[in-house]
Amino acid sequence: MPSWLGYQHLCGTHLKIRMISYRVCVLAALFSLLIITLIPTTQSADCCLKFTQRPVHCRWLKGYTFQDITSSCDLNAVIFQNRRNKFVCADPSQDWTKRVQRCLRKRQEKKSQLKKRV
């Protein structure tokens, strides 16, 4: 086709648009990689944000851990783990929380004593 019909101009414009699209895709991919690499360095810890209002019975639980106030967690908490591997946050100053902790400690002591006998 003759160049005076503008065919070369259209092809050049189309090529420029494709190059811009390619650059945008490359920049988006690089930006995504940057975000992915930065996320693990920030502390996105699983923290208790509030406490359960209902007491949990010891028989439904298999253990507990403590959450201390840190830069990423705002509450001191006892985190109970139930038998279905779900977690329940409890106020460590509540009487029922202390009672359940004692129950779980006693259960653990009994298990360790049974293992010593065998």
PDB file of N, CA and C in Angstrom:
ATOM      1  N   MET A   1       0.837  -1.179   0.000  1.00  0.00           N
ATOM      2  CA  MET A   1       0.000   0.000   0.000  1.00  0.00           C
ATOM      3  C   MET A   1       0.881   1.240   0.000  1.00  0.00           C
ATOM      4  N   PRO A   2       0.428   2.241  -0.647  1.00  0.00           N
ATOM      5  CA  PRO A   2       1.212   3.471  -0.679  1.00  0.00           C
ATOM      6  C   PRO A   2       1.229   4.149   0.681  1.00  0.00           C
ATOM      7  N   SER A   3       2.343   4.792   0.961  1.00  0.00           N
ATOM      8  CA  SER A   3       2.491   5.448   2.255  1.00  0.00           C
ATOM      9  C   SER A   3       1.613   6.674   2.381  1.00  0.00           C
ATOM     10  N   TRP A   4       1.204   7.237   1.277  1.00  0.00           N
ATOM     11  CA  TRP A   4       0.385   8.445   1.338  1.00  0.00           C
ATOM     12  C   TRP A   4      -1.033   8.153   1.813  1.00  0.00           C
ATOM     13  N   LEU A   5      -1.432   6.862   1.862  1.00  0.00           N
ATOM     14  CA  LEU A   5      -2.756   6.521   2.385  1.00  0.00           C
ATOM     15  C   LEU A   5      -2.757   6.463   3.913  1.00  0.00           C
ATOM     16  N   GLY A   6      -1.616   6.580   4.510  1.00  0.00           N
ATOM     17  CA  GLY A   6      -1.535   6.589   5.970  1.00  0.00           C
ATOM     18  C   GLY A   6      -1.396   5.213   6.588  1.00  0.00           C
ATOM     19  N   TYR A   7      -1.177   4.202   5.775  1.00  0.00           N
ATOM     20  CA  TYR A   7      -1.070   2.842   6.292  1.00  0.00           C
ATOM     21  C   TYR A   7       0.113   2.713   7.241  1.00  0.00           C
ATOM     22  N   GLN A   8       1.250   3.267   6.845  1.00  0.00           N
ATOM     23  CA  GLN A   8       2.421   3.171   7.712  1.00  0.00           C
ATOM     24  C   GLN A   8       2.196   3.940   9.011  1.00  0.00           C
ATOM     25  N   HIS A   9       1.493   5.043   8.926  1.00  0.00           N
ATOM     26  CA  HIS A   9       1.204   5.820  10.130  1.00  0.00           C
ATOM     27  C   HIS A   9       0.334   4.997  11.089  1.00  0.00           C
ATOM     28  N   LEU A  10      -0.658   4.302  10.562  1.00  0.00           N
ATOM     29  CA  LEU A  10      -1.525   3.471  11.402  1.00  0.00           C
ATOM     30  C   LEU A  10      -0.747   2.321  12.022  1.00  0.00           C
ATOM     31  N   CYS A  11       0.114   1.715  11.243  1.00  0.00           N
ATOM     32  CA  CYS A  11       0.921   0.613  11.769  1.00  0.00           C
ATOM     33  C   CYS A  11       1.852   1.107  12.862  1.00  0.00           C
ATOM     34  N   GLY A  12       2.439   2.266  12.666  1.00  0.00           N
ATOM     35  CA  GLY A  12       3.323   2.826  13.676  1.00  0.00           C
ATOM     36  C   GLY A  12       2.575   3.153  14.953  1.00  0.00           C
ATOM     37  N   THR A  13       1.380   3.705  14.830  1.00  0.00           N
ATOM     38  CA  THR A  13       0.565   4.026  16.002  1.00  0.00           C
ATOM     39  C   THR A  13       0.172   2.754  16.738  1.00  0.00           C
ATOM     40  N   HIS A  14      -0.221   1.749  15.979  1.00  0.00           N
ATOM     41  CA  HIS A  14      -0.595   0.468  16.581  1.00  0.00           C
ATOM     42  C   HIS A  14       0.592  -0.145  17.323  1.00  0.00           C
ATOM     43  N   LEU A  15       1.766  -0.040  16.739  1.00  0.00           N
ATOM     44  CA  LEU A  15       2.971  -0.564  17.377  1.00  0.00           C
ATOM     45  C   LEU A  15       3.285   0.193  18.664  1.00  0.00           C
ATOM     46  N   LYS A  16       3.111   1.517  18.647  1.00  0.00           N
ATOM     47  CA  LYS A  16       3.358   2.311  19.851  1.00  0.00           C
ATOM     48  C   LYS A  16       2.389   1.929  20.966  1.00  0.00           C
ATOM     49  N   ILE A  17       1.132   1.714  20.616  1.00  0.00           N
ATOM     50  CA  ILE A  17       0.131   1.315  21.619  1.00  0.00           C
ATOM     51  C   ILE A  17       0.493  -0.039  22.215  1.00  0.00           C
ATOM     52  N   ARG A  18       0.925  -0.965  21.370  1.00  0.00           N
ATOM     53  CA  ARG A  18       1.316  -2.286  21.868  1.00  0.00           C
ATOM     54  C   ARG A  18       2.530  -2.187  22.785  1.00  0.00           C
ATOM     55  N   MET A  19       3.492  -1.331  22.437  1.00  0.00           N
ATOM     56  CA  MET A  19       4.680  -1.158  23.275  1.00  0.00           C
ATOM     57  C   MET A  19       4.306  -0.540  24.623  1.00  0.00           C
ATOM     58  N   ILE A  20       3.394   0.439  24.604  1.00  0.00           N
ATOM     59  CA  ILE A  20       2.949   1.052  25.859  1.00  0.00           C
ATOM     60  C   ILE A  20       2.231   0.016  26.716  1.00  0.00           C
ATOM     61  N   SER A  21       1.376  -0.795  26.101  1.00  0.00           N
ATOM     62  CA  SER A  21       0.673  -1.850  26.836  1.00  0.00           C
ATOM     63  C   SER A  21       1.664  -2.842  27.439  1.00  0.00           C
ATOM     64  N   TYR A  22       2.675  -3.194  26.675  1.00  0.00           N
ATOM     65  CA  TYR A  22       3.703  -4.109  27.156  1.00  0.00           C
ATOM     66  C   TYR A  22       4.430  -3.506  28.358  1.00  0.00           C
ATOM     67  N   ARG A  23       4.791  -2.231  28.267  1.00  0.00           N
ATOM     68  CA  ARG A  23       5.486  -1.568  29.375  1.00  0.00           C
ATOM     69  C   ARG A  23       4.607  -1.508  30.622  1.00  0.00           C
ATOM     70  N   VAL A  24       3.329  -1.222  30.432  1.00  0.00           N
ATOM     71  CA  VAL A  24       2.406  -1.172  31.568  1.00  0.00           C
ATOM     72  C   VAL A  24       2.317  -2.546  32.233  1.00  0.00           C
ATOM     73  N   CYS A  25       2.242  -3.595  31.439  1.00  0.00           N
ATOM     74  CA  CYS A  25       2.189  -4.954  31.996  1.00  0.00           C
ATOM     75  C   CYS A  25       3.463  -5.294  32.766  1.00  0.00           C
ATOM     76  N   VAL A  26       4.606  -4.942  32.206  1.00  0.00           N
ATOM     77  CA  VAL A  26       5.881  -5.211  32.881  1.00  0.00           C
ATOM     78  C   VAL A  26       5.963  -4.428  34.188  1.00  0.00           C
ATOM     79  N   LEU A  27       5.568  -3.159  34.163  1.00  0.00           N
ATOM     80  CA  LEU A  27       5.590  -2.357  35.390  1.00  0.00           C
ATOM     81  C   LEU A  27       4.623  -2.909  36.435  1.00  0.00           C
ATOM     82  N   ALA A  28       3.458  -3.352  36.003  1.00  0.00           N
ATOM     83  CA  ALA A  28       2.491  -3.931  36.939  1.00  0.00           C
ATOM     84  C   ALA A  28       3.047  -5.208  37.564  1.00  0.00           C
ATOM     85  N   ALA A  29       3.708  -6.029  36.757  1.00  0.00           N
ATOM     86  CA  ALA A  29       4.298  -7.258  37.280  1.00  0.00           C
ATOM     87  C   ALA A  29       5.411  -6.946  38.281  1.00  0.00           C
ATOM     88  N   LEU A  30       6.263  -5.986  37.959  1.00  0.00           N
ATOM     89  CA  LEU A  30       7.340  -5.610  38.878  1.00  0.00           C
ATOM     90  C   LEU A  30       6.787  -5.023  40.173  1.00  0.00           C
ATOM     91  N   PHE A  31       5.765  -4.197  40.072  1.00  0.00           N
ATOM     92  CA  PHE A  31       5.140  -3.619  41.258  1.00  0.00           C
ATOM     93  C   PHE A  31       4.515  -4.716  42.123  1.00  0.00           C
ATOM     94  N   SER A  32       3.881  -5.692  41.482  1.00  0.00           N
ATOM     95  CA  SER A  32       3.296  -6.814  42.227  1.00  0.00           C
ATOM     96  C   SER A  32       4.366  -7.603  42.965  1.00  0.00           C
ATOM     97  N   LEU A  33       5.481  -7.856  42.308  1.00  0.00           N
ATOM     98  CA  LEU A  33       6.583  -8.565  42.965  1.00  0.00           C
ATOM     99  C   LEU A  33       7.125  -7.774  44.146  1.00  0.00           C
ATOM    100  N   LEU A  34       7.223  -6.474  43.996  1.00  0.00           N
ATOM    101  CA  LEU A  34       7.689  -5.626  45.086  1.00  0.00           C
ATOM    102  C   LEU A  34       6.747  -5.720  46.281  1.00  0.00           C
ATOM    103  N   ILE A  35       5.464  -5.642  46.035  1.00  0.00           N
ATOM    104  CA  ILE A  35       4.477  -5.736  47.113  1.00  0.00           C
ATOM    105  C   ILE A  35       4.562  -7.100  47.790  1.00  0.00           C
ATOM    106  N   ILE A  36       4.659  -8.159  47.008  1.00  0.00           N
ATOM    107  CA  ILE A  36       4.723  -9.514  47.574  1.00  0.00           C
ATOM    108  C   ILE A  36       5.960  -9.685  48.443  1.00  0.00           C
ATOM    109  N   THR A  37       7.076  -9.112  48.038  1.00  0.00           N
ATOM    110  CA  THR A  37       8.292  -9.259  48.841  1.00  0.00           C
ATOM    111  C   THR A  37       8.250  -8.408  50.101  1.00  0.00           C
ATOM    112  N   LEU A  38       7.515  -7.315  50.093  1.00  0.00           N
ATOM    113  CA  LEU A  38       7.441  -6.464  51.278  1.00  0.00           C
ATOM    114  C   LEU A  38       6.447  -6.965  52.310  1.00  0.00           C
ATOM    115  N   ILE A  39       5.439  -7.685  51.907  1.00  0.00           N
ATOM    116  CA  ILE A  39       4.402  -8.130  52.841  1.00  0.00           C
ATOM    117  C   ILE A  39       4.965  -9.004  53.960  1.00  0.00           C
ATOM    118  N   PRO A  40       5.804 -10.004  53.691  1.00  0.00           N
ATOM    119  CA  PRO A  40       6.308 -10.813  54.808  1.00  0.00           C
ATOM    120  C   PRO A  40       7.156 -10.031  55.803  1.00  0.00           C
ATOM    121  N   THR A  41       7.767  -8.933  55.385  1.00  0.00           N
ATOM    122  CA  THR A  41       8.596  -8.180  56.313  1.00  0.00           C
ATOM    123  C   THR A  41       7.762  -7.348  57.270  1.00  0.00           C
ATOM    124  N   THR A  42       6.558  -6.992  56.877  1.00  0.00           N
ATOM    125  CA  THR A  42       5.681  -6.301  57.809  1.00  0.00           C
ATOM    126  C   THR A  42       5.001  -7.341  58.673  1.00  0.00           C
ATOM    127  N   GLN A  43       4.775  -6.999  59.910  1.00  0.00           N
ATOM    128  CA  GLN A  43       4.177  -7.972  60.810  1.00  0.00           C
ATOM    129  C   GLN A  43       2.670  -7.966  60.643  1.00  0.00           C
ATOM    130  N   SER A  44       2.170  -8.981  60.006  1.00  0.00           N
ATOM    131  CA  SER A  44       0.734  -9.159  59.904  1.00  0.00           C
ATOM    132  C   SER A  44       0.379 -10.358  60.775  1.00  0.00           C
ATOM    133  N   ALA A  45       0.649 -10.214  62.054  1.00  0.00           N
ATOM    134  CA  ALA A  45       0.454 -11.313  62.983  1.00  0.00           C
ATOM    135  C   ALA A  45      -1.019 -11.559  63.223  1.00  0.00           C
ATOM    136  N   ASP A  46      -1.341 -12.805  63.570  1.00  0.00           N
ATOM    137  CA  ASP A  46      -2.690 -13.141  63.985  1.00  0.00           C
ATOM    138  C   ASP A  46      -2.808 -12.784  65.449  1.00  0.00           C
ATOM    139  N   CYS A  47      -3.540 -11.734  65.723  1.00  0.00           N
ATOM    140  CA  CYS A  47      -3.691 -11.238  67.086  1.00  0.00           C
ATOM    141  C   CYS A  47      -5.141 -11.318  67.510  1.00  0.00           C
ATOM    142  N   CYS A  48      -5.329 -11.500  68.804  1.00  0.00           N
ATOM    143  CA  CYS A  48      -6.665 -11.389  69.366  1.00  0.00           C
ATOM    144  C   CYS A  48      -7.023  -9.911  69.404  1.00  0.00           C
ATOM    145  N   LEU A  49      -8.142  -9.581  68.833  1.00  0.00           N
ATOM    146  CA  LEU A  49      -8.595  -8.197  68.829  1.00  0.00           C
ATOM    147  C   LEU A  49      -9.678  -7.958  69.875  1.00  0.00           C
ATOM    148  N   LYS A  50     -10.343  -9.045  70.281  1.00  0.00           N
ATOM    149  CA  LYS A  50     -11.355  -8.953  71.332  1.00  0.00           C
ATOM    150  C   LYS A  50     -11.471 -10.313  72.005  1.00  0.00           C
ATOM    151  N   PHE A  51     -12.116 -10.324  73.157  1.00  0.00           N
ATOM    152  CA  PHE A  51     -12.263 -11.551  73.941  1.00  0.00           C
ATOM    153  C   PHE A  51     -13.650 -12.140  73.743  1.00  0.00           C
ATOM    154  N   THR A  52     -13.738 -13.453  73.925  1.00  0.00           N
ATOM    155  CA  THR A  52     -15.040 -14.095  73.907  1.00  0.00           C
ATOM    156  C   THR A  52     -15.826 -13.671  75.144  1.00  0.00           C
ATOM    157  N   GLN A  53     -17.120 -13.564  74.998  1.00  0.00           N
ATOM    158  CA  GLN A  53     -17.975 -13.189  76.120  1.00  0.00           C
ATOM    159  C   GLN A  53     -18.477 -14.415  76.878  1.00  0.00           C
ATOM    160  N   ARG A  54     -18.408 -15.579  76.219  1.00  0.00           N
ATOM    161  CA  ARG A  54     -18.913 -16.806  76.837  1.00  0.00           C
ATOM    162  C   ARG A  54     -17.758 -17.674  77.322  1.00  0.00           C
ATOM    163  N   PRO A  55     -17.864 -18.179  78.526  1.00  0.00           N
ATOM    164  CA  PRO A  55     -16.848 -19.121  79.008  1.00  0.00           C
ATOM    165  C   PRO A  55     -16.861 -20.399  78.170  1.00  0.00           C
ATOM    166  N   VAL A  56     -15.695 -20.971  77.982  1.00  0.00           N
ATOM    167  CA  VAL A  56     -15.553 -22.213  77.222  1.00  0.00           C
ATOM    168  C   VAL A  56     -15.207 -23.314  78.206  1.00  0.00           C
ATOM    169  N   HIS A  57     -15.848 -24.471  78.053  1.00  0.00           N
ATOM    170  CA  HIS A  57     -15.590 -25.576  78.972  1.00  0.00           C
ATOM    171  C   HIS A  57     -14.291 -26.286  78.597  1.00  0.00           C
ATOM    172  N   CYS A  58     -13.610 -26.734  79.595  1.00  0.00           N
ATOM    173  CA  CYS A  58     -12.306 -27.387  79.432  1.00  0.00           C
ATOM    174  C   CYS A  58     -12.384 -28.623  78.535  1.00  0.00           C
ATOM    175  N   ARG A  59     -13.472 -29.356  78.602  1.00  0.00           N
ATOM    176  CA  ARG A  59     -13.550 -30.620  77.853  1.00  0.00           C
ATOM    177  C   ARG A  59     -13.486 -30.408  76.344  1.00  0.00           C
ATOM    178  N   TRP A  60     -13.845 -29.217  75.854  1.00  0.00           N
ATOM    179  CA  TRP A  60     -13.837 -28.954  74.418  1.00  0.00           C
ATOM    180  C   TRP A  60     -12.479 -28.451  73.925  1.00  0.00           C
ATOM    181  N   LEU A  61     -11.550 -28.266  74.840  1.00  0.00           N
ATOM    182  CA  LEU A  61     -10.266 -27.659  74.485  1.00  0.00           C
ATOM    183  C   LEU A  61      -9.135 -28.671  74.555  1.00  0.00           C
ATOM    184  N   LYS A  62      -8.093 -28.407  73.783  1.00  0.00           N
ATOM    185  CA  LYS A  62      -6.927 -29.289  73.848  1.00  0.00           C
ATOM    186  C   LYS A  62      -5.650 -28.566  74.240  1.00  0.00           C
ATOM    187  N   GLY A  63      -5.667 -27.253  74.333  1.00  0.00           N
ATOM    188  CA  GLY A  63      -4.470 -26.543  74.753  1.00  0.00           C
ATOM    189  C   GLY A  63      -4.670 -25.043  74.730  1.00  0.00           C
ATOM    190  N   TYR A  64      -3.621 -24.325  75.112  1.00  0.00           N
ATOM    191  CA  TYR A  64      -3.678 -22.864  75.096  1.00  0.00           C
ATOM    192  C   TYR A  64      -2.282 -22.285  74.974  1.00  0.00           C
ATOM    193  N   THR A  65      -2.236 -21.049  74.519  1.00  0.00           N
ATOM    194  CA  THR A  65      -0.998 -20.279  74.445  1.00  0.00           C
ATOM    195  C   THR A  65      -1.295 -18.870  74.942  1.00  0.00           C
ATOM    196  N   PHE A  66      -0.240 -18.090  75.107  1.00  0.00           N
ATOM    197  CA  PHE A  66      -0.387 -16.715  75.572  1.00  0.00           C
ATOM    198  C   PHE A  66      -0.051 -15.744  74.448  1.00  0.00           C
ATOM    199  N   GLN A  67      -0.764 -14.651  74.432  1.00  0.00           N
ATOM    200  CA  GLN A  67      -0.441 -13.534  73.543  1.00  0.00           C
ATOM    201  C   GLN A  67      -0.070 -12.353  74.421  1.00  0.00           C
ATOM    202  N   ASP A  68       1.135 -11.838  74.228  1.00  0.00           N
ATOM    203  CA  ASP A  68       1.594 -10.671  74.978  1.00  0.00           C
ATOM    204  C   ASP A  68       1.431  -9.426  74.122  1.00  0.00           C
ATOM    205  N   ILE A  69       1.369  -8.299  74.785  1.00  0.00           N
ATOM    206  CA  ILE A  69       1.308  -7.037  74.056  1.00  0.00           C
ATOM    207  C   ILE A  69       2.649  -6.830  73.357  1.00  0.00           C
ATOM    208  N   THR A  70       2.587  -6.646  72.050  1.00  0.00           N
ATOM    209  CA  THR A  70       3.781  -6.369  71.240  1.00  0.00           C
ATOM    210  C   THR A  70       3.449  -5.200  70.325  1.00  0.00           C
ATOM    211  N   SER A  71       4.348  -4.926  69.422  1.00  0.00           N
ATOM    212  CA  SER A  71       4.087  -3.830  68.488  1.00  0.00           C
ATOM    213  C   SER A  71       2.936  -4.156  67.546  1.00  0.00           C
ATOM    214  N   SER A  72       2.653  -5.442  67.355  1.00  0.00           N
ATOM    215  CA  SER A  72       1.578  -5.804  66.431  1.00  0.00           C
ATOM    216  C   SER A  72       0.311  -6.285  67.132  1.00  0.00           C
ATOM    217  N   CYS A  73       0.378  -6.595  68.416  1.00  0.00           N
ATOM    218  CA  CYS A  73      -0.792  -7.075  69.159  1.00  0.00           C
ATOM    219  C   CYS A  73      -1.061  -6.146  70.338  1.00  0.00           C
ATOM    220  N   ASP A  74      -2.306  -5.707  70.459  1.00  0.00           N
ATOM    221  CA  ASP A  74      -2.649  -4.703  71.463  1.00  0.00           C
ATOM    222  C   ASP A  74      -3.185  -5.272  72.771  1.00  0.00           C
ATOM    223  N   LEU A  75      -3.424  -6.579  72.842  1.00  0.00           N
ATOM    224  CA  LEU A  75      -4.036  -7.171  74.031  1.00  0.00           C
ATOM    225  C   LEU A  75      -3.199  -8.308  74.589  1.00  0.00           C
ATOM    226  N   ASN A  76      -3.154  -8.409  75.909  1.00  0.00           N
ATOM    227  CA  ASN A  76      -2.702  -9.644  76.536  1.00  0.00           C
ATOM    228  C   ASN A  76      -3.888 -10.591  76.476  1.00  0.00           C
ATOM    229  N   ALA A  77      -3.646 -11.818  76.060  1.00  0.00           N
ATOM    230  CA  ALA A  77      -4.758 -12.757  75.908  1.00  0.00           C
ATOM    231  C   ALA A  77      -4.280 -14.177  76.130  1.00  0.00           C
ATOM    232  N   VAL A  78      -5.238 -15.031  76.489  1.00  0.00           N
ATOM    233  CA  VAL A  78      -5.024 -16.470  76.491  1.00  0.00           C
ATOM    234  C   VAL A  78      -5.755 -16.982  75.261  1.00  0.00           C
ATOM    235  N   ILE A  79      -5.047 -17.728  74.432  1.00  0.00           N
ATOM    236  CA  ILE A  79      -5.645 -18.253  73.204  1.00  0.00           C
ATOM    237  C   ILE A  79      -5.847 -19.749  73.394  1.00  0.00           C
ATOM    238  N   PHE A  80      -7.106 -20.140  73.541  1.00  0.00           N
ATOM    239  CA  PHE A  80      -7.452 -21.547  73.693  1.00  0.00           C
ATOM    240  C   PHE A  80      -7.636 -22.167  72.317  1.00  0.00           C
ATOM    241  N   GLN A  81      -7.166 -23.421  72.186  1.00  0.00           N
ATOM    242  CA  GLN A  81      -7.360 -24.160  70.938  1.00  0.00           C
ATOM    243  C   GLN A  81      -8.344 -25.284  71.213  1.00  0.00           C
ATOM    244  N   ASN A  82      -9.436 -25.326  70.428  1.00  0.00           N
ATOM    245  CA  ASN A  82     -10.404 -26.390  70.661  1.00  0.00           C
ATOM    246  C   ASN A  82     -10.036 -27.631  69.863  1.00  0.00           C
ATOM    247  N   ARG A  83     -10.826 -28.663  70.022  1.00  0.00           N
ATOM    248  CA  ARG A  83     -10.502 -29.948  69.383  1.00  0.00           C
ATOM    249  C   ARG A  83     -10.662 -29.921  67.870  1.00  0.00           C
ATOM    250  N   ARG A  84     -11.335 -28.915  67.365  1.00  0.00           N
ATOM    251  CA  ARG A  84     -11.483 -28.756  65.914  1.00  0.00           C
ATOM    252  C   ARG A  84     -10.442 -27.790  65.349  1.00  0.00           C
ATOM    253  N   ASN A  85      -9.431 -27.490  66.147  1.00  0.00           N
ATOM    254  CA  ASN A  85      -8.334 -26.585  65.770  1.00  0.00           C
ATOM    255  C   ASN A  85      -8.803 -25.160  65.476  1.00  0.00           C
ATOM    256  N   LYS A  86      -9.829 -24.730  66.160  1.00  0.00           N
ATOM    257  CA  LYS A  86     -10.273 -23.334  66.124  1.00  0.00           C
ATOM    258  C   LYS A  86      -9.706 -22.651  67.358  1.00  0.00           C
ATOM    259  N   PHE A  87      -9.546 -21.341  67.289  1.00  0.00           N
ATOM    260  CA  PHE A  87      -8.939 -20.597  68.382  1.00  0.00           C
ATOM    261  C   PHE A  87      -9.941 -19.633  69.000  1.00  0.00           C
ATOM    262  N   VAL A  88      -9.883 -19.531  70.327  1.00  0.00           N
ATOM    263  CA  VAL A  88     -10.776 -18.663  71.088  1.00  0.00           C
ATOM    264  C   VAL A  88      -9.916 -17.765  71.964  1.00  0.00           C
ATOM    265  N   CYS A  89     -10.135 -16.477  71.873  1.00  0.00           N
ATOM    266  CA  CYS A  89      -9.376 -15.511  72.665  1.00  0.00           C
ATOM    267  C   CYS A  89     -10.114 -15.218  73.963  1.00  0.00           C
ATOM    268  N   ALA A  90      -9.383 -15.274  75.066  1.00  0.00           N
ATOM    269  CA  ALA A  90      -9.992 -15.048  76.375  1.00  0.00           C
ATOM    270  C   ALA A  90      -9.172 -14.046  77.175  1.00  0.00           C
ATOM    271  N   ASP A  91      -9.871 -13.347  78.055  1.00  0.00           N
ATOM    272  CA  ASP A  91      -9.250 -12.364  78.943  1.00  0.00           C
ATOM    273  C   ASP A  91      -8.507 -13.107  80.051  1.00  0.00           C
ATOM    274  N   PRO A  92      -7.192 -12.929  80.172  1.00  0.00           N
ATOM    275  CA  PRO A  92      -6.430 -13.668  81.183  1.00  0.00           C
ATOM    276  C   PRO A  92      -6.789 -13.290  82.614  1.00  0.00           C
ATOM    277  N   SER A  93      -7.456 -12.187  82.830  1.00  0.00           N
ATOM    278  CA  SER A  93      -7.813 -11.790  84.196  1.00  0.00           C
ATOM    279  C   SER A  93      -9.148 -12.383  84.654  1.00  0.00           C
ATOM    280  N   GLN A  94      -9.895 -12.995  83.760  1.00  0.00           N
ATOM    281  CA  GLN A  94     -11.187 -13.578  84.120  1.00  0.00           C
ATOM    282  C   GLN A  94     -10.998 -14.878  84.909  1.00  0.00           C
ATOM    283  N   ASP A  95     -11.875 -15.095  85.884  1.00  0.00           N
ATOM    284  CA  ASP A  95     -11.788 -16.307  86.706  1.00  0.00           C
ATOM    285  C   ASP A  95     -11.980 -17.571  85.879  1.00  0.00           C
ATOM    286  N   TRP A  96     -12.926 -17.552  84.954  1.00  0.00           N
ATOM    287  CA  TRP A  96     -13.173 -18.757  84.169  1.00  0.00           C
ATOM    288  C   TRP A  96     -11.964 -19.104  83.313  1.00  0.00           C
ATOM    289  N   THR A  97     -11.242 -18.099  82.839  1.00  0.00           N
ATOM    290  CA  THR A  97     -10.042 -18.349  82.033  1.00  0.00           C
ATOM    291  C   THR A  97      -8.975 -19.040  82.872  1.00  0.00           C
ATOM    292  N   LYS A  98      -8.778 -18.563  84.087  1.00  0.00           N
ATOM    293  CA  LYS A  98      -7.794 -19.181  84.988  1.00  0.00           C
ATOM    294  C   LYS A  98      -8.200 -20.603  85.336  1.00  0.00           C
ATOM    295  N   ARG A  99      -9.502 -20.814  85.555  1.00  0.00           N
ATOM    296  CA  ARG A  99     -10.003 -22.147  85.890  1.00  0.00           C
ATOM    297  C   ARG A  99      -9.765 -23.126  84.734  1.00  0.00           C
ATOM    298  N   VAL A 100     -10.026 -22.689  83.517  1.00  0.00           N
ATOM    299  CA  VAL A 100      -9.818 -23.552  82.349  1.00  0.00           C
ATOM    300  C   VAL A 100      -8.329 -23.825  82.145  1.00  0.00           C
ATOM    301  N   GLN A 101      -7.482 -22.841  82.385  1.00  0.00           N
ATOM    302  CA  GLN A 101      -6.036 -23.065  82.285  1.00  0.00           C
ATOM    303  C   GLN A 101      -5.591 -24.131  83.287  1.00  0.00           C
ATOM    304  N   ARG A 102      -6.092 -24.045  84.530  1.00  0.00           N
ATOM    305  CA  ARG A 102      -5.756 -25.066  85.538  1.00  0.00           C
ATOM    306  C   ARG A 102      -6.211 -26.443  85.078  1.00  0.00           C
ATOM    307  N   CYS A 103      -7.418 -26.522  84.562  1.00  0.00           N
ATOM    308  CA  CYS A 103      -7.954 -27.794  84.078  1.00  0.00           C
ATOM    309  C   CYS A 103      -7.058 -28.384  82.987  1.00  0.00           C
ATOM    310  N   LEU A 104      -6.653 -27.560  82.038  1.00  0.00           N
ATOM    311  CA  LEU A 104      -5.801 -28.048  80.949  1.00  0.00           C
ATOM    312  C   LEU A 104      -4.416 -28.446  81.448  1.00  0.00           C
ATOM    313  N   ARG A 105      -3.883 -27.707  82.424  1.00  0.00           N
ATOM    314  CA  ARG A 105      -2.583 -28.080  83.008  1.00  0.00           C
ATOM    315  C   ARG A 105      -2.679 -29.430  83.705  1.00  0.00           C
ATOM    316  N   LYS A 106      -3.755 -29.632  84.482  1.00  0.00           N
ATOM    317  CA  LYS A 106      -3.936 -30.913  85.178  1.00  0.00           C
ATOM    318  C   LYS A 106      -4.066 -32.055  84.184  1.00  0.00           C
ATOM    319  N   ARG A 107      -4.801 -31.828  83.119  1.00  0.00           N
ATOM    320  CA  ARG A 107      -4.950 -32.860  82.093  1.00  0.00           C
ATOM    321  C   ARG A 107      -3.593 -33.201  81.494  1.00  0.00           C
ATOM    322  N   GLN A 108      -2.783 -32.191  81.224  1.00  0.00           N
ATOM    323  CA  GLN A 108      -1.452 -32.416  80.656  1.00  0.00           C
ATOM    324  C   GLN A 108      -0.561 -33.170  81.638  1.00  0.00           C
ATOM    325  N   GLU A 109      -0.657 -32.836  82.930  1.00  0.00           N
ATOM    326  CA  GLU A 109       0.132 -33.541  83.946  1.00  0.00           C
ATOM    327  C   GLU A 109      -0.261 -35.008  84.017  1.00  0.00           C
ATOM    328  N   LYS A 110      -1.558 -35.288  83.940  1.00  0.00           N
ATOM    329  CA  LYS A 110      -2.021 -36.682  83.964  1.00  0.00           C
ATOM    330  C   LYS A 110      -1.480 -37.449  82.766  1.00  0.00           C
ATOM    331  N   LYS A 111      -1.505 -36.823  81.601  1.00  0.00           N
ATOM    332  CA  LYS A 111      -0.975 -37.476  80.403  1.00  0.00           C
ATOM    333  C   LYS A 111       0.511 -37.772  80.547  1.00  0.00           C
ATOM    334  N   SER A 112       1.266 -36.825  81.091  1.00  0.00           N
ATOM    335  CA  SER A 112       2.709 -37.042  81.231  1.00  0.00           C
ATOM    336  C   SER A 112       2.998 -38.113  82.277  1.00  0.00           C
ATOM    337  N   GLN A 113       2.179 -38.203  83.332  1.00  0.00           N
ATOM    338  CA  GLN A 113       2.365 -39.254  84.336  1.00  0.00           C
ATOM    339  C   GLN A 113       2.058 -40.619  83.748  1.00  0.00           C
ATOM    340  N   LEU A 114       1.037 -40.714  82.915  1.00  0.00           N
ATOM    341  CA  LEU A 114       0.712 -41.983  82.271  1.00  0.00           C
ATOM    342  C   LEU A 114       1.829 -42.421  81.336  1.00  0.00           C
ATOM    343  N   LYS A 115       2.458 -41.497  80.661  1.00  0.00           N
ATOM    344  CA  LYS A 115       3.564 -41.835  79.762  1.00  0.00           C
ATOM    345  C   LYS A 115       4.768 -42.332  80.545  1.00  0.00           C
ATOM    346  N   LYS A 116       4.984 -41.781  81.752  1.00  0.00           N
ATOM    347  CA  LYS A 116       6.119 -42.208  82.568  1.00  0.00           C
ATOM    348  C   LYS A 116       5.933 -43.634  83.060  1.00  0.00           C
ATOM    349  N   ARG A 117       4.695 -44.037  83.311  1.00  0.00           N
ATOM    350  CA  ARG A 117       4.418 -45.394  83.794  1.00  0.00           C
ATOM    351  C   ARG A 117       4.684 -46.439  82.726  1.00  0.00           C
ATOM    352  N   VAL A 118       4.476 -46.087  81.487  1.00  0.00           N
ATOM    353  CA  VAL A 118       4.615 -47.062  80.396  1.00  0.00           C
ATOM    354  C   VAL A 118       6.025 -47.268  80.023  1.00  0.00           C
TER     355      VAL A 118
END
